[in-house]
Amino acid sequence: MASFAACKASKSATTCKQNGGSWTTVGPSPELTCVCPTGQQGCACTRSTDCLGSCRATPSPGTLYGCDGVTQGSCSSHHPSVGCWCWFGKDGTVIGICAD
């Protein structure tokens, strides 16, 4: 967890790489940022505070924001992450959002 915090706080390519991250762009933003592995990929979660990265679930098939009835997600493999997901809040509330 300490190495994740150091990685997440990295503001340069050098410190990012030293802390186990990848210095790259995320989504459509041209800004470089440190993408940090969480080591929690696939771990079950029901709120964002259960994960170092994000707690998210795949929307229902054929929908963009089909999050009704979603009660459990899984922790993301890295932070930050993007995409269309059912995102879990700190209180366990689930909302469908496309984050980029």
PDB file of N, CA and C in Angstrom:
ATOM      1  N   MET A   1       0.825  -1.191   0.000  1.00  0.00           N
ATOM      2  CA  MET A   1       0.000   0.000   0.000  1.00  0.00           C
ATOM      3  C   MET A   1       0.871   1.256   0.000  1.00  0.00           C
ATOM      4  N   ALA A   2       1.986   1.237   0.716  1.00  0.00           N
ATOM      5  CA  ALA A   2       2.873   2.397   0.757  1.00  0.00           C
ATOM      6  C   ALA A   2       3.455   2.686  -0.614  1.00  0.00           C
ATOM      7  N   SER A   3       3.829   1.634  -1.370  1.00  0.00           N
ATOM      8  CA  SER A   3       4.384   1.862  -2.699  1.00  0.00           C
ATOM      9  C   SER A   3       3.314   2.395  -3.651  1.00  0.00           C
ATOM     10  N   PHE A   4       2.061   1.973  -3.480  1.00  0.00           N
ATOM     11  CA  PHE A   4       0.978   2.508  -4.301  1.00  0.00           C
ATOM     12  C   PHE A   4       0.811   3.996  -4.030  1.00  0.00           C
ATOM     13  N   ALA A   5       0.838   4.402  -2.772  1.00  0.00           N
ATOM     14  CA  ALA A   5       0.690   5.817  -2.414  1.00  0.00           C
ATOM     15  C   ALA A   5       1.820   6.641  -3.022  1.00  0.00           C
ATOM     16  N   ALA A   6       3.040   6.125  -2.977  1.00  0.00           N
ATOM     17  CA  ALA A   6       4.182   6.834  -3.558  1.00  0.00           C
ATOM     18  C   ALA A   6       4.037   6.914  -5.070  1.00  0.00           C
ATOM     19  N   CYS A   7       3.583   5.836  -5.687  1.00  0.00           N
ATOM     20  CA  CYS A   7       3.371   5.820  -7.135  1.00  0.00           C
ATOM     21  C   CYS A   7       2.315   6.852  -7.515  1.00  0.00           C
ATOM     22  N   LYS A   8       1.199   6.838  -6.826  1.00  0.00           N
ATOM     23  CA  LYS A   8       0.086   7.752  -7.113  1.00  0.00           C
ATOM     24  C   LYS A   8       0.493   9.216  -6.952  1.00  0.00           C
ATOM     25  N   ALA A   9       1.414   9.497  -6.042  1.00  0.00           N
ATOM     26  CA  ALA A   9       1.865  10.864  -5.803  1.00  0.00           C
ATOM     27  C   ALA A   9       2.953  11.314  -6.777  1.00  0.00           C
ATOM     28  N   SER A  10       3.445  10.421  -7.611  1.00  0.00           N
ATOM     29  CA  SER A  10       4.538  10.739  -8.539  1.00  0.00           C
ATOM     30  C   SER A  10       4.121  11.819  -9.538  1.00  0.00           C
ATOM     31  N   LYS A  11       5.005  12.780  -9.735  1.00  0.00           N
ATOM     32  CA  LYS A  11       4.732  13.896 -10.646  1.00  0.00           C
ATOM     33  C   LYS A  11       5.707  13.950 -11.814  1.00  0.00           C
ATOM     34  N   SER A  12       6.559  12.929 -11.942  1.00  0.00           N
ATOM     35  CA  SER A  12       7.511  12.897 -13.055  1.00  0.00           C
ATOM     36  C   SER A  12       7.693  11.459 -13.518  1.00  0.00           C
ATOM     37  N   ALA A  13       8.183  11.318 -14.745  1.00  0.00           N
ATOM     38  CA  ALA A  13       8.423   9.983 -15.298  1.00  0.00           C
ATOM     39  C   ALA A  13       9.400   9.196 -14.427  1.00  0.00           C
ATOM     40  N   THR A  14      10.433   9.867 -13.933  1.00  0.00           N
ATOM     41  CA  THR A  14      11.454   9.198 -13.134  1.00  0.00           C
ATOM     42  C   THR A  14      10.878   8.644 -11.839  1.00  0.00           C
ATOM     43  N   THR A  15      10.177   9.471 -11.073  1.00  0.00           N
ATOM     44  CA  THR A  15       9.632   8.990  -9.801  1.00  0.00           C
ATOM     45  C   THR A  15       8.514   7.982 -10.027  1.00  0.00           C
ATOM     46  N   CYS A  16       7.759   8.166 -11.086  1.00  0.00           N
ATOM     47  CA  CYS A  16       6.699   7.213 -11.412  1.00  0.00           C
ATOM     48  C   CYS A  16       7.296   5.823 -11.632  1.00  0.00           C
ATOM     49  N   LYS A  17       8.299   5.743 -12.484  1.00  0.00           N
ATOM     50  CA  LYS A  17       8.932   4.454 -12.782  1.00  0.00           C
ATOM     51  C   LYS A  17       9.616   3.873 -11.554  1.00  0.00           C
ATOM     52  N   GLN A  18      10.250   4.730 -10.737  1.00  0.00           N
ATOM     53  CA  GLN A  18      10.905   4.264  -9.510  1.00  0.00           C
ATOM     54  C   GLN A  18       9.893   3.642  -8.545  1.00  0.00           C
ATOM     55  N   ASN A  19       8.656   4.128  -8.605  1.00  0.00           N
ATOM     56  CA  ASN A  19       7.610   3.648  -7.697  1.00  0.00           C
ATOM     57  C   ASN A  19       6.706   2.585  -8.329  1.00  0.00           C
ATOM     58  N   GLY A  20       7.139   2.039  -9.470  1.00  0.00           N
ATOM     59  CA  GLY A  20       6.432   0.917 -10.075  1.00  0.00           C
ATOM     60  C   GLY A  20       5.340   1.261 -11.065  1.00  0.00           C
ATOM     61  N   GLY A  21       5.218   2.542 -11.428  1.00  0.00           N
ATOM     62  CA  GLY A  21       4.171   2.953 -12.354  1.00  0.00           C
ATOM     63  C   GLY A  21       4.642   3.087 -13.786  1.00  0.00           C
ATOM     64  N   SER A  22       3.714   3.460 -14.643  1.00  0.00           N
ATOM     65  CA  SER A  22       3.996   3.720 -16.055  1.00  0.00           C
ATOM     66  C   SER A  22       3.610   5.165 -16.356  1.00  0.00           C
ATOM     67  N   TRP A  23       4.527   5.937 -16.905  1.00  0.00           N
ATOM     68  CA  TRP A  23       4.309   7.343 -17.239  1.00  0.00           C
ATOM     69  C   TRP A  23       3.696   7.389 -18.636  1.00  0.00           C
ATOM     70  N   THR A  24       2.403   7.701 -18.712  1.00  0.00           N
ATOM     71  CA  THR A  24       1.697   7.615 -19.984  1.00  0.00           C
ATOM     72  C   THR A  24       0.454   8.493 -19.971  1.00  0.00           C
ATOM     73  N   THR A  25      -0.253   8.514 -21.083  1.00  0.00           N
ATOM     74  CA  THR A  25      -1.531   9.217 -21.145  1.00  0.00           C
ATOM     75  C   THR A  25      -2.636   8.237 -20.753  1.00  0.00           C
ATOM     76  N   VAL A  26      -3.742   8.784 -20.294  1.00  0.00           N
ATOM     77  CA  VAL A  26      -4.905   7.984 -19.915  1.00  0.00           C
ATOM     78  C   VAL A  26      -6.121   8.569 -20.617  1.00  0.00           C
ATOM     79  N   GLY A  27      -6.845   7.723 -21.345  1.00  0.00           N
ATOM     80  CA  GLY A  27      -8.014   8.207 -22.073  1.00  0.00           C
ATOM     81  C   GLY A  27      -7.614   9.203 -23.137  1.00  0.00           C
ATOM     82  N   PRO A  28      -8.502  10.144 -23.470  1.00  0.00           N
ATOM     83  CA  PRO A  28      -8.213  11.102 -24.538  1.00  0.00           C
ATOM     84  C   PRO A  28      -7.312  12.274 -24.117  1.00  0.00           C
ATOM     85  N   SER A  29      -7.001  12.392 -22.837  1.00  0.00           N
ATOM     86  CA  SER A  29      -6.175  13.506 -22.368  1.00  0.00           C
ATOM     87  C   SER A  29      -4.749  13.393 -22.903  1.00  0.00           C
ATOM     88  N   PRO A  30      -4.190  14.504 -23.392  1.00  0.00           N
ATOM     89  CA  PRO A  30      -2.799  14.474 -23.850  1.00  0.00           C
ATOM     90  C   PRO A  30      -1.790  14.572 -22.696  1.00  0.00           C
ATOM     91  N   GLU A  31      -2.279  14.850 -21.490  1.00  0.00           N
ATOM     92  CA  GLU A  31      -1.403  15.003 -20.330  1.00  0.00           C
ATOM     93  C   GLU A  31      -0.830  13.664 -19.885  1.00  0.00           C
ATOM     94  N   LEU A  32       0.457  13.644 -19.599  1.00  0.00           N
ATOM     95  CA  LEU A  32       1.095  12.441 -19.061  1.00  0.00           C
ATOM     96  C   LEU A  32       0.816  12.341 -17.569  1.00  0.00           C
ATOM     97  N   THR A  33       0.597  11.134 -17.112  1.00  0.00           N
ATOM     98  CA  THR A  33       0.344  10.895 -15.699  1.00  0.00           C
ATOM     99  C   THR A  33       0.920   9.540 -15.308  1.00  0.00           C
ATOM    100  N   CYS A  34       1.016   9.305 -14.036  1.00  0.00           N
ATOM    101  CA  CYS A  34       1.540   8.035 -13.543  1.00  0.00           C
ATOM    102  C   CYS A  34       0.387   7.056 -13.340  1.00  0.00           C
ATOM    103  N   VAL A  35       0.421   5.960 -14.084  1.00  0.00           N
ATOM    104  CA  VAL A  35      -0.576   4.898 -13.943  1.00  0.00           C
ATOM    105  C   VAL A  35       0.039   3.832 -13.043  1.00  0.00           C
ATOM    106  N   CYS A  36      -0.618   3.582 -11.923  1.00  0.00           N
ATOM    107  CA  CYS A  36      -0.052   2.726 -10.881  1.00  0.00           C
ATOM    108  C   CYS A  36      -0.808   1.417 -10.715  1.00  0.00           C
ATOM    109  N   PRO A  37      -0.100   0.301 -10.656  1.00  0.00           N
ATOM    110  CA  PRO A  37      -0.761  -0.979 -10.406  1.00  0.00           C
ATOM    111  C   PRO A  37      -1.271  -1.032  -8.965  1.00  0.00           C
ATOM    112  N   THR A  38      -2.458  -1.606  -8.791  1.00  0.00           N
ATOM    113  CA  THR A  38      -3.030  -1.700  -7.446  1.00  0.00           C
ATOM    114  C   THR A  38      -2.730  -3.036  -6.784  1.00  0.00           C
ATOM    115  N   GLY A  39      -2.491  -4.070  -7.586  1.00  0.00           N
ATOM    116  CA  GLY A  39      -2.307  -5.402  -7.029  1.00  0.00           C
ATOM    117  C   GLY A  39      -3.608  -6.007  -6.526  1.00  0.00           C
ATOM    118  N   GLN A  40      -4.742  -5.377  -6.863  1.00  0.00           N
ATOM    119  CA  GLN A  40      -6.035  -5.844  -6.364  1.00  0.00           C
ATOM    120  C   GLN A  40      -6.978  -6.292  -7.480  1.00  0.00           C
ATOM    121  N   GLN A  41      -6.478  -6.459  -8.676  1.00  0.00           N
ATOM    122  CA  GLN A  41      -7.326  -6.829  -9.804  1.00  0.00           C
ATOM    123  C   GLN A  41      -8.180  -8.049  -9.479  1.00  0.00           C
ATOM    124  N   GLY A  42      -9.486  -7.886  -9.663  1.00  0.00           N
ATOM    125  CA  GLY A  42     -10.411  -8.991  -9.439  1.00  0.00           C
ATOM    126  C   GLY A  42     -10.894  -9.167  -8.017  1.00  0.00           C
ATOM    127  N   CYS A  43     -10.338  -8.439  -7.058  1.00  0.00           N
ATOM    128  CA  CYS A  43     -10.802  -8.547  -5.674  1.00  0.00           C
ATOM    129  C   CYS A  43     -12.232  -8.001  -5.582  1.00  0.00           C
ATOM    130  N   ALA A  44     -13.097  -8.697  -4.886  1.00  0.00           N
ATOM    131  CA  ALA A  44     -14.485  -8.273  -4.742  1.00  0.00           C
ATOM    132  C   ALA A  44     -14.577  -6.993  -3.911  1.00  0.00           C
ATOM    133  N   CYS A  45     -15.550  -6.141  -4.282  1.00  0.00           N
ATOM    134  CA  CYS A  45     -15.763  -4.891  -3.551  1.00  0.00           C
ATOM    135  C   CYS A  45     -17.228  -4.490  -3.633  1.00  0.00           C
ATOM    136  N   THR A  46     -17.653  -3.665  -2.690  1.00  0.00           N
ATOM    137  CA  THR A  46     -19.011  -3.125  -2.701  1.00  0.00           C
ATOM    138  C   THR A  46     -19.028  -1.615  -2.503  1.00  0.00           C
ATOM    139  N   ARG A  47     -17.860  -1.020  -2.362  1.00  0.00           N
ATOM    140  CA  ARG A  47     -17.732   0.441  -2.234  1.00  0.00           C
ATOM    141  C   ARG A  47     -16.324   0.838  -2.652  1.00  0.00           C
ATOM    142  N   SER A  48     -16.147   2.088  -3.020  1.00  0.00           N
ATOM    143  CA  SER A  48     -14.850   2.545  -3.532  1.00  0.00           C
ATOM    144  C   SER A  48     -13.736   2.418  -2.501  1.00  0.00           C
ATOM    145  N   THR A  49     -14.077   2.542  -1.250  1.00  0.00           N
ATOM    146  CA  THR A  49     -13.065   2.477  -0.198  1.00  0.00           C
ATOM    147  C   THR A  49     -12.517   1.067   0.022  1.00  0.00           C
ATOM    148  N   ASP A  50     -13.107   0.070  -0.632  1.00  0.00           N
ATOM    149  CA  ASP A  50     -12.596  -1.297  -0.545  1.00  0.00           C
ATOM    150  C   ASP A  50     -11.350  -1.499  -1.405  1.00  0.00           C
ATOM    151  N   CYS A  51     -11.064  -0.537  -2.292  1.00  0.00           N
ATOM    152  CA  CYS A  51      -9.998  -0.693  -3.282  1.00  0.00           C
ATOM    153  C   CYS A  51      -9.004   0.468  -3.231  1.00  0.00           C
ATOM    154  N   LEU A  52      -7.777   0.192  -3.669  1.00  0.00           N
ATOM    155  CA  LEU A  52      -6.793   1.260  -3.849  1.00  0.00           C
ATOM    156  C   LEU A  52      -7.153   2.091  -5.080  1.00  0.00           C
ATOM    157  N   GLY A  53      -7.629   1.427  -6.123  1.00  0.00           N
ATOM    158  CA  GLY A  53      -8.054   2.109  -7.347  1.00  0.00           C
ATOM    159  C   GLY A  53      -9.553   2.335  -7.307  1.00  0.00           C
ATOM    160  N   SER A  54     -10.254   1.747  -8.258  1.00  0.00           N
ATOM    161  CA  SER A  54     -11.702   1.898  -8.357  1.00  0.00           C
ATOM    162  C   SER A  54     -12.406   0.584  -8.086  1.00  0.00           C
ATOM    163  N   CYS A  55     -13.623   0.687  -7.558  1.00  0.00           N
ATOM    164  CA  CYS A  55     -14.517  -0.454  -7.433  1.00  0.00           C
ATOM    165  C   CYS A  55     -15.533  -0.270  -8.550  1.00  0.00           C
ATOM    166  N   ARG A  56     -15.601  -1.251  -9.459  1.00  0.00           N
ATOM    167  CA  ARG A  56     -16.468  -1.095 -10.627  1.00  0.00           C
ATOM    168  C   ARG A  56     -16.991  -2.450 -11.092  1.00  0.00           C
ATOM    169  N   ALA A  57     -18.086  -2.389 -11.857  1.00  0.00           N
ATOM    170  CA  ALA A  57     -18.688  -3.603 -12.420  1.00  0.00           C
ATOM    171  C   ALA A  57     -19.067  -3.315 -13.863  1.00  0.00           C
ATOM    172  N   THR A  58     -19.171  -4.354 -14.643  1.00  0.00           N
ATOM    173  CA  THR A  58     -19.569  -4.229 -16.038  1.00  0.00           C
ATOM    174  C   THR A  58     -21.078  -3.990 -16.100  1.00  0.00           C
ATOM    175  N   PRO A  59     -21.509  -2.994 -16.898  1.00  0.00           N
ATOM    176  CA  PRO A  59     -22.957  -2.772 -17.063  1.00  0.00           C
ATOM    177  C   PRO A  59     -23.624  -4.005 -17.676  1.00  0.00           C
ATOM    178  N   SER A  60     -24.932  -4.108 -17.503  1.00  0.00           N
ATOM    179  CA  SER A  60     -25.696  -5.211 -18.079  1.00  0.00           C
ATOM    180  C   SER A  60     -25.474  -5.273 -19.584  1.00  0.00           C
ATOM    181  N   PRO A  61     -25.431  -6.471 -20.156  1.00  0.00           N
ATOM    182  CA  PRO A  61     -25.211  -6.624 -21.599  1.00  0.00           C
ATOM    183  C   PRO A  61     -26.205  -5.800 -22.420  1.00  0.00           C
ATOM    184  N   GLY A  62     -25.703  -5.164 -23.465  1.00  0.00           N
ATOM    185  CA  GLY A  62     -26.542  -4.392 -24.365  1.00  0.00           C
ATOM    186  C   GLY A  62     -26.912  -3.009 -23.852  1.00  0.00           C
ATOM    187  N   THR A  63     -26.358  -2.606 -22.700  1.00  0.00           N
ATOM    188  CA  THR A  63     -26.656  -1.279 -22.152  1.00  0.00           C
ATOM    189  C   THR A  63     -25.368  -0.514 -21.911  1.00  0.00           C
ATOM    190  N   LEU A  64     -25.483   0.785 -21.881  1.00  0.00           N
ATOM    191  CA  LEU A  64     -24.325   1.616 -21.584  1.00  0.00           C
ATOM    192  C   LEU A  64     -24.214   1.859 -20.079  1.00  0.00           C
ATOM    193  N   TYR A  65     -25.359   2.100 -19.452  1.00  0.00           N
ATOM    194  CA  TYR A  65     -25.365   2.418 -18.026  1.00  0.00           C
ATOM    195  C   TYR A  65     -26.249   1.471 -17.226  1.00  0.00           C
ATOM    196  N   GLY A  66     -26.412   0.236 -17.668  1.00  0.00           N
ATOM    197  CA  GLY A  66     -27.296  -0.717 -17.004  1.00  0.00           C
ATOM    198  C   GLY A  66     -26.744  -1.198 -15.682  1.00  0.00           C
ATOM    199  N   CYS A  67     -26.943  -0.402 -14.648  1.00  0.00           N
ATOM    200  CA  CYS A  67     -26.374  -0.730 -13.346  1.00  0.00           C
ATOM    201  C   CYS A  67     -27.425  -1.105 -12.309  1.00  0.00           C
ATOM    202  N   ASP A  68     -28.706  -1.122 -12.700  1.00  0.00           N
ATOM    203  CA  ASP A  68     -29.758  -1.506 -11.762  1.00  0.00           C
ATOM    204  C   ASP A  68     -29.509  -2.928 -11.271  1.00  0.00           C
ATOM    205  N   GLY A  69     -29.576  -3.119  -9.983  1.00  0.00           N
ATOM    206  CA  GLY A  69     -29.403  -4.444  -9.403  1.00  0.00           C
ATOM    207  C   GLY A  69     -27.952  -4.866  -9.209  1.00  0.00           C
ATOM    208  N   VAL A  70     -26.995  -4.040  -9.624  1.00  0.00           N
ATOM    209  CA  VAL A  70     -25.586  -4.369  -9.420  1.00  0.00           C
ATOM    210  C   VAL A  70     -25.243  -4.126  -7.953  1.00  0.00           C
ATOM    211  N   THR A  71     -24.775  -5.154  -7.274  1.00  0.00           N
ATOM    212  CA  THR A  71     -24.476  -5.038  -5.846  1.00  0.00           C
ATOM    213  C   THR A  71     -23.027  -5.338  -5.500  1.00  0.00           C
ATOM    214  N   GLN A  72     -22.271  -5.870  -6.468  1.00  0.00           N
ATOM    215  CA  GLN A  72     -20.870  -6.186  -6.207  1.00  0.00           C
ATOM    216  C   GLN A  72     -20.043  -5.893  -7.447  1.00  0.00           C
ATOM    217  N   GLY A  73     -18.856  -5.372  -7.210  1.00  0.00           N
ATOM    218  CA  GLY A  73     -17.935  -5.104  -8.297  1.00  0.00           C
ATOM    219  C   GLY A  73     -16.610  -5.776  -8.031  1.00  0.00           C
ATOM    220  N   SER A  74     -15.607  -5.334  -8.763  1.00  0.00           N
ATOM    221  CA  SER A  74     -14.247  -5.815  -8.525  1.00  0.00           C
ATOM    222  C   SER A  74     -13.288  -4.635  -8.616  1.00  0.00           C
ATOM    223  N   CYS A  75     -12.217  -4.730  -7.890  1.00  0.00           N
ATOM    224  CA  CYS A  75     -11.230  -3.648  -7.852  1.00  0.00           C
ATOM    225  C   CYS A  75     -10.472  -3.583  -9.180  1.00  0.00           C
ATOM    226  N   SER A  76     -10.143  -2.376  -9.584  1.00  0.00           N
ATOM    227  CA  SER A  76      -9.397  -2.169 -10.826  1.00  0.00           C
ATOM    228  C   SER A  76      -7.947  -2.601 -10.654  1.00  0.00           C
ATOM    229  N   SER A  77      -7.325  -2.940 -11.773  1.00  0.00           N
ATOM    230  CA  SER A  77      -5.935  -3.398 -11.760  1.00  0.00           C
ATOM    231  C   SER A  77      -4.951  -2.241 -11.635  1.00  0.00           C
ATOM    232  N   HIS A  78      -5.404  -1.032 -11.949  1.00  0.00           N
ATOM    233  CA  HIS A  78      -4.526   0.137 -11.912  1.00  0.00           C
ATOM    234  C   HIS A  78      -5.333   1.405 -11.618  1.00  0.00           C
ATOM    235  N   HIS A  79      -4.628   2.462 -11.331  1.00  0.00           N
ATOM    236  CA  HIS A  79      -5.236   3.766 -11.067  1.00  0.00           C
ATOM    237  C   HIS A  79      -4.398   4.827 -11.759  1.00  0.00           C
ATOM    238  N   PRO A  80      -4.978   5.776 -12.450  1.00  0.00           N
ATOM    239  CA  PRO A  80      -6.402   5.901 -12.715  1.00  0.00           C
ATOM    240  C   PRO A  80      -6.844   4.945 -13.804  1.00  0.00           C
ATOM    241  N   SER A  81      -8.158   4.762 -13.906  1.00  0.00           N
ATOM    242  CA  SER A  81      -8.710   3.916 -14.958  1.00  0.00           C
ATOM    243  C   SER A  81      -9.853   4.650 -15.641  1.00  0.00           C
ATOM    244  N   VAL A  82     -10.138   4.247 -16.849  1.00  0.00           N
ATOM    245  CA  VAL A  82     -11.179   4.886 -17.644  1.00  0.00           C
ATOM    246  C   VAL A  82     -12.110   3.820 -18.223  1.00  0.00           C
ATOM    247  N   GLY A  83     -13.205   4.268 -18.798  1.00  0.00           N
ATOM    248  CA  GLY A  83     -14.131   3.368 -19.467  1.00  0.00           C
ATOM    249  C   GLY A  83     -15.544   3.544 -18.961  1.00  0.00           C
ATOM    250  N   CYS A  84     -16.453   2.811 -19.561  1.00  0.00           N
ATOM    251  CA  CYS A  84     -17.861   2.845 -19.173  1.00  0.00           C
ATOM    252  C   CYS A  84     -18.121   1.685 -18.213  1.00  0.00           C
ATOM    253  N   TRP A  85     -18.393   2.041 -16.987  1.00  0.00           N
ATOM    254  CA  TRP A  85     -18.548   1.057 -15.913  1.00  0.00           C
ATOM    255  C   TRP A  85     -19.692   1.453 -14.994  1.00  0.00           C
ATOM    256  N   CYS A  86     -20.081   0.526 -14.157  1.00  0.00           N
ATOM    257  CA  CYS A  86     -20.916   0.814 -12.998  1.00  0.00           C
ATOM    258  C   CYS A  86     -19.915   1.079 -11.877  1.00  0.00           C
ATOM    259  N   TRP A  87     -19.782   2.328 -11.478  1.00  0.00           N
ATOM    260  CA  TRP A  87     -18.792   2.731 -10.476  1.00  0.00           C
ATOM    261  C   TRP A  87     -19.452   2.753  -9.098  1.00  0.00           C
ATOM    262  N   PHE A  88     -18.750   2.253  -8.095  1.00  0.00           N
ATOM    263  CA  PHE A  88     -19.247   2.239  -6.725  1.00  0.00           C
ATOM    264  C   PHE A  88     -18.686   3.438  -5.968  1.00  0.00           C
ATOM    265  N   GLY A  89     -19.560   4.138  -5.241  1.00  0.00           N
ATOM    266  CA  GLY A  89     -19.146   5.270  -4.428  1.00  0.00           C
ATOM    267  C   GLY A  89     -18.697   4.830  -3.040  1.00  0.00           C
ATOM    268  N   LYS A  90     -18.272   5.794  -2.243  1.00  0.00           N
ATOM    269  CA  LYS A  90     -17.801   5.508  -0.880  1.00  0.00           C
ATOM    270  C   LYS A  90     -18.869   4.852  -0.026  1.00  0.00           C
ATOM    271  N   ASP A  91     -20.134   5.203  -0.284  1.00  0.00           N
ATOM    272  CA  ASP A  91     -21.239   4.650   0.503  1.00  0.00           C
ATOM    273  C   ASP A  91     -21.869   3.413  -0.134  1.00  0.00           C
ATOM    274  N   GLY A  92     -21.297   2.932  -1.249  1.00  0.00           N
ATOM    275  CA  GLY A  92     -21.818   1.761  -1.920  1.00  0.00           C
ATOM    276  C   GLY A  92     -22.832   2.060  -3.014  1.00  0.00           C
ATOM    277  N   THR A  93     -23.169   3.330  -3.196  1.00  0.00           N
ATOM    278  CA  THR A  93     -24.073   3.723  -4.267  1.00  0.00           C
ATOM    279  C   THR A  93     -23.417   3.412  -5.614  1.00  0.00           C
ATOM    280  N   VAL A  94     -24.189   2.861  -6.534  1.00  0.00           N
ATOM    281  CA  VAL A  94     -23.671   2.486  -7.856  1.00  0.00           C
ATOM    282  C   VAL A  94     -24.254   3.433  -8.901  1.00  0.00           C
ATOM    283  N   ILE A  95     -23.371   3.955  -9.769  1.00  0.00           N
ATOM    284  CA  ILE A  95     -23.813   4.850 -10.834  1.00  0.00           C
ATOM    285  C   ILE A  95     -23.063   4.495 -12.110  1.00  0.00           C
ATOM    286  N   GLY A  96     -23.779   4.507 -13.214  1.00  0.00           N
ATOM    287  CA  GLY A  96     -23.163   4.219 -14.495  1.00  0.00           C
ATOM    288  C   GLY A  96     -22.580   5.490 -15.105  1.00  0.00           C
ATOM    289  N   ILE A  97     -21.290   5.474 -15.365  1.00  0.00           N
ATOM    290  CA  ILE A  97     -20.604   6.646 -15.926  1.00  0.00           C
ATOM    291  C   ILE A  97     -19.511   6.168 -16.873  1.00  0.00           C
ATOM    292  N   CYS A  98     -19.331   6.921 -17.953  1.00  0.00           N
ATOM    293  CA  CYS A  98     -18.183   6.717 -18.825  1.00  0.00           C
ATOM    294  C   CYS A  98     -17.134   7.735 -18.409  1.00  0.00           C
ATOM    295  N   ALA A  99     -16.047   7.271 -17.853  1.00  0.00           N
ATOM    296  CA  ALA A  99     -14.971   8.152 -17.375  1.00  0.00           C
ATOM    297  C   ALA A  99     -13.814   8.118 -18.369  1.00  0.00           C
ATOM    298  N   ASP A 100     -13.358   9.296 -18.750  1.00  0.00           N
ATOM    299  CA  ASP A 100     -12.211   9.345 -19.652  1.00  0.00           C
ATOM    300  C   ASP A 100     -11.246  10.372 -19.213  1.00  0.00           C
TER     301      ASP A 100
END
